[in-house]
Protein backbone atom coordinates (compact mmCIF):
# COMPACT_ATOMS: atom_id res chain seq x y z
CA MET A 1 -113.40 66.78 -9.11
CA ASN A 2 -113.24 64.66 -12.24
CA ALA A 3 -109.83 63.14 -11.42
CA PRO A 4 -110.99 61.49 -8.14
CA ARG A 5 -114.08 60.13 -9.92
CA ILE A 6 -111.94 58.59 -12.66
CA ALA A 7 -109.52 57.19 -10.08
CA ALA A 8 -112.41 55.57 -8.18
CA LYS A 9 -113.72 54.12 -11.43
CA ARG A 10 -110.30 52.70 -12.32
CA LEU A 11 -109.92 51.20 -8.85
CA HIS A 12 -113.35 49.60 -9.12
CA TYR A 13 -112.52 48.03 -12.50
CA LEU A 14 -109.09 46.94 -11.28
CA VAL A 15 -110.46 45.21 -8.18
CA GLU A 16 -113.58 43.73 -9.82
CA PRO A 17 -111.92 40.70 -11.48
CA LEU A 18 -109.96 39.91 -8.31
CA VAL A 19 -112.92 39.36 -5.97
CA THR A 20 -115.80 36.87 -6.08
CA GLY A 21 -118.93 35.93 -4.15
CA LYS A 22 -119.64 37.69 -0.85
CA GLU A 23 -116.24 39.33 -1.01
CA ALA A 24 -117.21 41.01 -4.27
CA ALA A 25 -120.30 42.59 -2.78
CA THR A 26 -118.41 43.66 0.34
CA VAL A 27 -115.54 45.22 -1.59
CA LEU A 28 -117.20 46.48 -4.76
CA LYS A 29 -120.36 48.02 -3.32
CA PRO A 30 -118.54 50.76 -1.34
CA LEU A 31 -116.29 51.46 -4.34
CA LYS A 32 -119.31 51.79 -6.62
CA MET A 33 -121.08 54.04 -4.11
CA ARG A 34 -118.07 56.36 -3.91
CA GLN A 35 -117.77 56.38 -7.68
CA ASP A 36 -121.48 57.28 -8.01
CA ARG A 37 -121.24 60.04 -5.39
CA LEU A 38 -118.19 61.53 -7.09
CA GLU A 39 -120.01 61.40 -10.41
CA VAL A 40 -122.98 63.30 -8.96
CA LEU A 41 -120.65 65.92 -7.46
CA HIS A 42 -118.84 66.25 -10.77
CA ASP A 43 -122.12 66.61 -12.68
CA ARG A 44 -123.34 69.27 -10.25
CA ARG A 45 -120.10 71.19 -10.57
CA VAL A 46 -120.27 71.11 -14.37
CA LEU A 47 -123.92 72.20 -14.24
CA ALA A 48 -123.06 75.10 -11.92
CA GLN A 49 -120.23 76.19 -14.22
CA ASN A 50 -122.50 76.01 -17.27
CA LEU A 51 -125.24 77.99 -15.53
CA ASP A 52 -122.74 80.58 -14.38
CA GLN A 53 -121.41 80.98 -17.92
CA ALA A 54 -124.92 81.18 -19.36
CA LEU A 55 -125.89 83.88 -16.87
CA LYS A 56 -122.75 85.88 -17.59
CA SER A 57 -123.29 85.73 -21.33
CA SER A 58 -127.00 86.58 -21.13
CA ALA A 59 -126.77 89.29 -18.46
CA PRO A 60 -126.54 92.19 -20.96
CA VAL A 61 -129.66 90.93 -22.76
CA LEU A 62 -131.54 90.57 -19.48
CA LEU A 63 -130.50 94.06 -18.38
CA ARG A 64 -131.62 95.61 -21.69
CA THR A 65 -134.95 93.82 -21.43
CA LEU A 66 -135.48 95.06 -17.88
CA ARG A 67 -134.44 98.60 -18.87
CA ASP A 68 -136.86 98.62 -21.81
CA PHE A 69 -139.66 97.28 -19.63
CA ALA A 70 -138.99 99.96 -16.99
CA ARG A 71 -139.07 102.66 -19.68
CA LYS A 72 -142.42 101.38 -20.97
CA LEU A 73 -143.84 101.40 -17.46
CA ALA A 74 -142.55 104.92 -16.90
CA ALA A 75 -144.04 106.09 -20.20
CA ARG A 76 -147.41 104.55 -19.28
CA SER A 77 -147.52 106.26 -15.92
CA VAL A 78 -146.59 109.64 -17.50
CA HIS A 79 -149.25 109.11 -20.16
CA SER A 80 -151.82 108.12 -17.50
CA ALA A 81 -150.93 111.11 -15.35
CA SER A 82 -151.37 113.55 -18.23
CA ARG A 83 -154.89 112.19 -18.92
CA ALA A 84 -156.04 112.72 -15.34
């Protein structure tokens, strides 16, 4: 996804000095819009990859925390049941 974004950016900068006036707005605006959209897509993809990696690396910690919490709840209910 990054390669198309960079290509769009290069095309924009290549064309920019060649056009002027109304032509510049007509030609450059769509190029800039595509470049911006590709940048957003790239950023979202990187974010998703980073979140995925963070979840994978923290999953064991989350599972231990949930296990410990479940054990505490179980111990409380056994303790409560023995008082009744």
